[in-house]
PDB file of all heavy atoms in Angstrom:
ATOM      1  N   LEU A   1      -9.127 -13.219  22.853  1.00  0.00           N
ATOM      2  CA  LEU A   1      -8.033 -12.317  22.488  1.00  0.00           C
ATOM      3  C   LEU A   1      -6.727 -13.081  22.326  1.00  0.00           C
ATOM      4  O   LEU A   1      -5.962 -12.838  21.377  1.00  0.00           O
ATOM      5  CB  LEU A   1      -7.877 -11.212  23.542  1.00  0.00           C
ATOM      6  CG  LEU A   1      -8.964 -10.137  23.552  1.00  0.00           C
ATOM      7  CD1 LEU A   1      -8.819  -9.260  24.787  1.00  0.00           C
ATOM      8  CD2 LEU A   1      -8.927  -9.320  22.281  1.00  0.00           C
ATOM      9  N   ALA A   2      -6.460 -14.024  23.225  1.00  0.00           N
ATOM     10  CA  ALA A   2      -5.242 -14.829  23.117  1.00  0.00           C
ATOM     11  C   ALA A   2      -5.258 -15.667  21.844  1.00  0.00           C
ATOM     12  O   ALA A   2      -4.230 -15.786  21.154  1.00  0.00           O
ATOM     13  CB  ALA A   2      -5.091 -15.725  24.349  1.00  0.00           C
ATOM     14  N   ALA A   3      -6.409 -16.239  21.507  1.00  0.00           N
ATOM     15  CA  ALA A   3      -6.515 -17.034  20.278  1.00  0.00           C
ATOM     16  C   ALA A   3      -6.305 -16.164  19.044  1.00  0.00           C
ATOM     17  O   ALA A   3      -5.624 -16.570  18.094  1.00  0.00           O
ATOM     18  CB  ALA A   3      -7.870 -17.735  20.216  1.00  0.00           C
ATOM     19  N   LEU A   4      -6.859 -14.964  19.060  1.00  0.00           N
ATOM     20  CA  LEU A   4      -6.663 -14.050  17.936  1.00  0.00           C
ATOM     21  C   LEU A   4      -5.199 -13.631  17.812  1.00  0.00           C
ATOM     22  O   LEU A   4      -4.645 -13.580  16.701  1.00  0.00           O
ATOM     23  CB  LEU A   4      -7.559 -12.819  18.079  1.00  0.00           C
ATOM     24  CG  LEU A   4      -9.056 -13.055  17.871  1.00  0.00           C
ATOM     25  CD1 LEU A   4      -9.852 -11.829  18.268  1.00  0.00           C
ATOM     26  CD2 LEU A   4      -9.347 -13.455  16.432  1.00  0.00           C
ATOM     27  N   ASP A   5      -4.557 -13.347  18.939  1.00  0.00           N
ATOM     28  CA  ASP A   5      -3.128 -12.994  18.912  1.00  0.00           C
ATOM     29  C   ASP A   5      -2.289 -14.135  18.355  1.00  0.00           C
ATOM     30  O   ASP A   5      -1.372 -13.912  17.565  1.00  0.00           O
ATOM     31  CB  ASP A   5      -2.631 -12.621  20.313  1.00  0.00           C
ATOM     32  CG  ASP A   5      -3.148 -11.270  20.789  1.00  0.00           C
ATOM     33  OD1 ASP A   5      -3.601 -10.464  19.939  1.00  0.00           O
ATOM     34  OD2 ASP A   5      -3.121 -11.031  22.007  1.00  0.00           O
ATOM     35  N   ALA A   6      -2.610 -15.362  18.746  1.00  0.00           N
ATOM     36  CA  ALA A   6      -1.867 -16.524  18.238  1.00  0.00           C
ATOM     37  C   ALA A   6      -2.070 -16.669  16.733  1.00  0.00           C
ATOM     38  O   ALA A   6      -1.112 -16.950  15.993  1.00  0.00           O
ATOM     39  CB  ALA A   6      -2.316 -17.793  18.966  1.00  0.00           C
ATOM     40  N   GLU A   7      -3.281 -16.462  16.267  1.00  0.00           N
ATOM     41  CA  GLU A   7      -3.552 -16.577  14.834  1.00  0.00           C
ATOM     42  C   GLU A   7      -2.860 -15.455  14.055  1.00  0.00           C
ATOM     43  O   GLU A   7      -2.341 -15.681  12.962  1.00  0.00           O
ATOM     44  CB  GLU A   7      -5.063 -16.554  14.582  1.00  0.00           C
ATOM     45  CG  GLU A   7      -5.462 -16.729  13.142  1.00  0.00           C
ATOM     46  CD  GLU A   7      -5.121 -18.091  12.551  1.00  0.00           C
ATOM     47  OE1 GLU A   7      -4.665 -18.993  13.278  1.00  0.00           O
ATOM     48  OE2 GLU A   7      -5.311 -18.252  11.331  1.00  0.00           O
ATOM     49  N   ILE A   8      -2.832 -14.264  14.607  1.00  0.00           N
ATOM     50  CA  ILE A   8      -2.121 -13.157  13.957  1.00  0.00           C
ATOM     51  C   ILE A   8      -0.636 -13.494  13.847  1.00  0.00           C
ATOM     52  O   ILE A   8      -0.013 -13.272  12.804  1.00  0.00           O
ATOM     53  CB  ILE A   8      -2.351 -11.832  14.729  1.00  0.00           C
ATOM     54  CG1 ILE A   8      -3.787 -11.366  14.531  1.00  0.00           C
ATOM     55  CG2 ILE A   8      -1.365 -10.756  14.287  1.00  0.00           C
ATOM     56  CD1 ILE A   8      -4.220 -10.257  15.478  1.00  0.00           C
ATOM     57  N   GLY A   9      -0.062 -14.032  14.907  1.00  0.00           N
ATOM     58  CA  GLY A   9       1.348 -14.430  14.876  1.00  0.00           C
ATOM     59  C   GLY A   9       1.603 -15.505  13.843  1.00  0.00           C
ATOM     60  O   GLY A   9       2.586 -15.460  13.090  1.00  0.00           O
ATOM     61  N   ARG A  10       0.729 -16.501  13.775  1.00  0.00           N
ATOM     62  CA  ARG A  10       0.870 -17.573  12.782  1.00  0.00           C
ATOM     63  C   ARG A  10       0.796 -17.025  11.360  1.00  0.00           C
ATOM     64  O   ARG A  10       1.617 -17.347  10.510  1.00  0.00           O
ATOM     65  CB  ARG A  10      -0.227 -18.615  12.999  1.00  0.00           C
ATOM     66  CG  ARG A  10      -0.079 -19.857  12.109  1.00  0.00           C
ATOM     67  CD  ARG A  10      -1.262 -20.793  12.265  1.00  0.00           C
ATOM     68  NE  ARG A  10      -2.466 -20.281  11.640  1.00  0.00           N
ATOM     69  CZ  ARG A  10      -2.713 -20.339  10.323  1.00  0.00           C
ATOM     70  NH1 ARG A  10      -1.826 -20.871   9.495  1.00  0.00           N
ATOM     71  NH2 ARG A  10      -3.849 -19.870   9.832  1.00  0.00           N
ATOM     72  N   LEU A  11      -0.166 -16.155  11.102  1.00  0.00           N
ATOM     73  CA  LEU A  11      -0.317 -15.574   9.766  1.00  0.00           C
ATOM     74  C   LEU A  11       0.860 -14.666   9.409  1.00  0.00           C
ATOM     75  O   LEU A  11       1.309 -14.653   8.254  1.00  0.00           O
ATOM     76  CB  LEU A  11      -1.634 -14.805   9.674  1.00  0.00           C
ATOM     77  CG  LEU A  11      -2.898 -15.667   9.684  1.00  0.00           C
ATOM     78  CD1 LEU A  11      -4.139 -14.798   9.804  1.00  0.00           C
ATOM     79  CD2 LEU A  11      -2.965 -16.552   8.453  1.00  0.00           C
ATOM     80  N   ALA A  12       1.364 -13.922  10.382  1.00  0.00           N
ATOM     81  CA  ALA A  12       2.530 -13.073  10.120  1.00  0.00           C
ATOM     82  C   ALA A  12       3.736 -13.933   9.740  1.00  0.00           C
ATOM     83  O   ALA A  12       4.495 -13.577   8.831  1.00  0.00           O
ATOM     84  CB  ALA A  12       2.850 -12.211  11.340  1.00  0.00           C
ATOM     85  N   GLY A  13       3.912 -15.060  10.406  1.00  0.00           N
ATOM     86  CA  GLY A  13       4.993 -15.975  10.066  1.00  0.00           C
ATOM     87  C   GLY A  13       4.825 -16.551   8.668  1.00  0.00           C
ATOM     88  O   GLY A  13       5.800 -16.654   7.907  1.00  0.00           O
ATOM     89  N   LEU A  14       3.623 -16.941   8.309  1.00  0.00           N
ATOM     90  CA  LEU A  14       3.357 -17.451   6.963  1.00  0.00           C
ATOM     91  C   LEU A  14       3.661 -16.400   5.914  1.00  0.00           C
ATOM     92  O   LEU A  14       4.278 -16.680   4.878  1.00  0.00           O
ATOM     93  CB  LEU A  14       1.889 -17.882   6.831  1.00  0.00           C
ATOM     94  CG  LEU A  14       1.492 -19.189   7.470  1.00  0.00           C
ATOM     95  CD1 LEU A  14      -0.017 -19.381   7.376  1.00  0.00           C
ATOM     96  CD2 LEU A  14       2.205 -20.356   6.816  1.00  0.00           C
ATOM     97  N   ARG A  15       3.235 -15.168   6.185  1.00  0.00           N
ATOM     98  CA  ARG A  15       3.480 -14.086   5.233  1.00  0.00           C
ATOM     99  C   ARG A  15       4.971 -13.846   5.055  1.00  0.00           C
ATOM    100  O   ARG A  15       5.464 -13.671   3.943  1.00  0.00           O
ATOM    101  CB  ARG A  15       2.800 -12.802   5.709  1.00  0.00           C
ATOM    102  CG  ARG A  15       2.894 -11.698   4.666  1.00  0.00           C
ATOM    103  CD  ARG A  15       2.630 -10.338   5.242  1.00  0.00           C
ATOM    104  NE  ARG A  15       2.652  -9.334   4.209  1.00  0.00           N
ATOM    105  CZ  ARG A  15       3.750  -8.913   3.585  1.00  0.00           C
ATOM    106  NH1 ARG A  15       4.917  -9.435   3.867  1.00  0.00           N
ATOM    107  NH2 ARG A  15       3.687  -7.988   2.651  1.00  0.00           N
ATOM    108  N   GLU A  16       5.694 -13.839   6.154  1.00  0.00           N
ATOM    109  CA  GLU A  16       7.138 -13.628   6.103  1.00  0.00           C
ATOM    110  C   GLU A  16       7.818 -14.735   5.294  1.00  0.00           C
ATOM    111  O   GLU A  16       8.669 -14.454   4.442  1.00  0.00           O
ATOM    112  CB  GLU A  16       7.702 -13.594   7.523  1.00  0.00           C
ATOM    113  CG  GLU A  16       9.181 -13.269   7.586  1.00  0.00           C
ATOM    114  CD  GLU A  16       9.666 -13.220   9.024  1.00  0.00           C
ATOM    115  OE1 GLU A  16       8.994 -12.569   9.851  1.00  0.00           O
ATOM    116  OE2 GLU A  16      10.712 -13.833   9.300  1.00  0.00           O
ATOM    117  N   ASN A  17       7.452 -15.975   5.528  1.00  0.00           N
ATOM    118  CA  ASN A  17       8.038 -17.094   4.776  1.00  0.00           C
ATOM    119  C   ASN A  17       7.705 -17.007   3.289  1.00  0.00           C
ATOM    120  O   ASN A  17       8.575 -17.233   2.438  1.00  0.00           O
ATOM    121  CB  ASN A  17       7.556 -18.435   5.339  1.00  0.00           C
ATOM    122  CG  ASN A  17       8.169 -18.739   6.672  1.00  0.00           C
ATOM    123  OD1 ASN A  17       9.231 -18.216   7.020  1.00  0.00           O
ATOM    124  ND2 ASN A  17       7.507 -19.593   7.438  1.00  0.00           N
ATOM    125  N   LEU A  18       6.472 -16.689   2.981  1.00  0.00           N
ATOM    126  CA  LEU A  18       6.075 -16.579   1.565  1.00  0.00           C
ATOM    127  C   LEU A  18       6.806 -15.422   0.886  1.00  0.00           C
ATOM    128  O   LEU A  18       7.330 -15.574  -0.228  1.00  0.00           O
ATOM    129  CB  LEU A  18       4.559 -16.371   1.462  1.00  0.00           C
ATOM    130  CG  LEU A  18       3.995 -16.218   0.047  1.00  0.00           C
ATOM    131  CD1 LEU A  18       4.334 -17.429  -0.803  1.00  0.00           C
ATOM    132  CD2 LEU A  18       2.506 -15.965   0.108  1.00  0.00           C
ATOM    133  N   ALA A  19       6.909 -14.288   1.545  1.00  0.00           N
ATOM    134  CA  ALA A  19       7.609 -13.135   0.972  1.00  0.00           C
ATOM    135  C   ALA A  19       9.093 -13.457   0.749  1.00  0.00           C
ATOM    136  O   ALA A  19       9.661 -13.096  -0.282  1.00  0.00           O
ATOM    137  CB  ALA A  19       7.447 -11.911   1.889  1.00  0.00           C
ATOM    138  N   ARG A  20       9.683 -14.146   1.694  1.00  0.00           N
ATOM    139  CA  ARG A  20      11.095 -14.522   1.572  1.00  0.00           C
ATOM    140  C   ARG A  20      11.302 -15.465   0.379  1.00  0.00           C
ATOM    141  O   ARG A  20      12.219 -15.285  -0.405  1.00  0.00           O
ATOM    142  CB  ARG A  20      11.590 -15.172   2.873  1.00  0.00           C
ATOM    143  CG  ARG A  20      13.067 -15.446   2.907  1.00  0.00           C
ATOM    144  CD  ARG A  20      13.622 -15.965   4.233  1.00  0.00           C
ATOM    145  NE  ARG A  20      12.710 -16.791   5.013  1.00  0.00           N
ATOM    146  CZ  ARG A  20      12.136 -16.404   6.148  1.00  0.00           C
ATOM    147  NH1 ARG A  20      12.366 -15.212   6.648  1.00  0.00           N
ATOM    148  NH2 ARG A  20      11.330 -17.213   6.788  1.00  0.00           N
ATOM    149  N   ARG A  21      10.419 -16.449   0.235  1.00  0.00           N
ATOM    150  CA  ARG A  21      10.533 -17.393  -0.883  1.00  0.00           C
ATOM    151  C   ARG A  21      10.264 -16.711  -2.227  1.00  0.00           C
ATOM    152  O   ARG A  21      10.919 -17.024  -3.216  1.00  0.00           O
ATOM    153  CB  ARG A  21       9.589 -18.560  -0.687  1.00  0.00           C
ATOM    154  CG  ARG A  21      10.044 -19.474   0.432  1.00  0.00           C
ATOM    155  CD  ARG A  21       9.176 -20.654   0.528  1.00  0.00           C
ATOM    156  NE  ARG A  21       9.936 -21.803   0.035  1.00  0.00           N
ATOM    157  CZ  ARG A  21       9.514 -23.027   0.088  1.00  0.00           C
ATOM    158  NH1 ARG A  21       8.308 -23.272   0.576  1.00  0.00           N
ATOM    159  NH2 ARG A  21      10.249 -24.018  -0.348  1.00  0.00           N
ATOM    160  N   ALA A  22       9.320 -15.796  -2.239  1.00  0.00           N
ATOM    161  CA  ALA A  22       9.003 -15.077  -3.466  1.00  0.00           C
ATOM    162  C   ALA A  22      10.168 -14.201  -3.905  1.00  0.00           C
ATOM    163  O   ALA A  22      10.379 -13.975  -5.095  1.00  0.00           O
ATOM    164  CB  ALA A  22       7.742 -14.231  -3.285  1.00  0.00           C
ATOM    165  N   ALA A  23      10.956 -13.726  -2.945  1.00  0.00           N
ATOM    166  CA  ALA A  23      12.098 -12.873  -3.242  1.00  0.00           C
ATOM    167  C   ALA A  23      13.343 -13.715  -3.568  1.00  0.00           C
ATOM    168  O   ALA A  23      14.413 -13.173  -3.809  1.00  0.00           O
ATOM    169  CB  ALA A  23      12.382 -11.954  -2.054  1.00  0.00           C
ATOM    170  N   GLY A  24      13.177 -15.037  -3.548  1.00  0.00           N
ATOM    171  CA  GLY A  24      14.296 -15.904  -3.887  1.00  0.00           C
ATOM    172  C   GLY A  24      15.169 -16.250  -2.702  1.00  0.00           C
ATOM    173  O   GLY A  24      16.291 -16.758  -2.853  1.00  0.00           O
TER     174      GLY A  24
END
């Protein structure tokens, strides 16, 4: 569960960075 939570956090951060860059 801890490993899954860490991976979810990592993916959420990646998504946020990609969305921010895509929006300029």
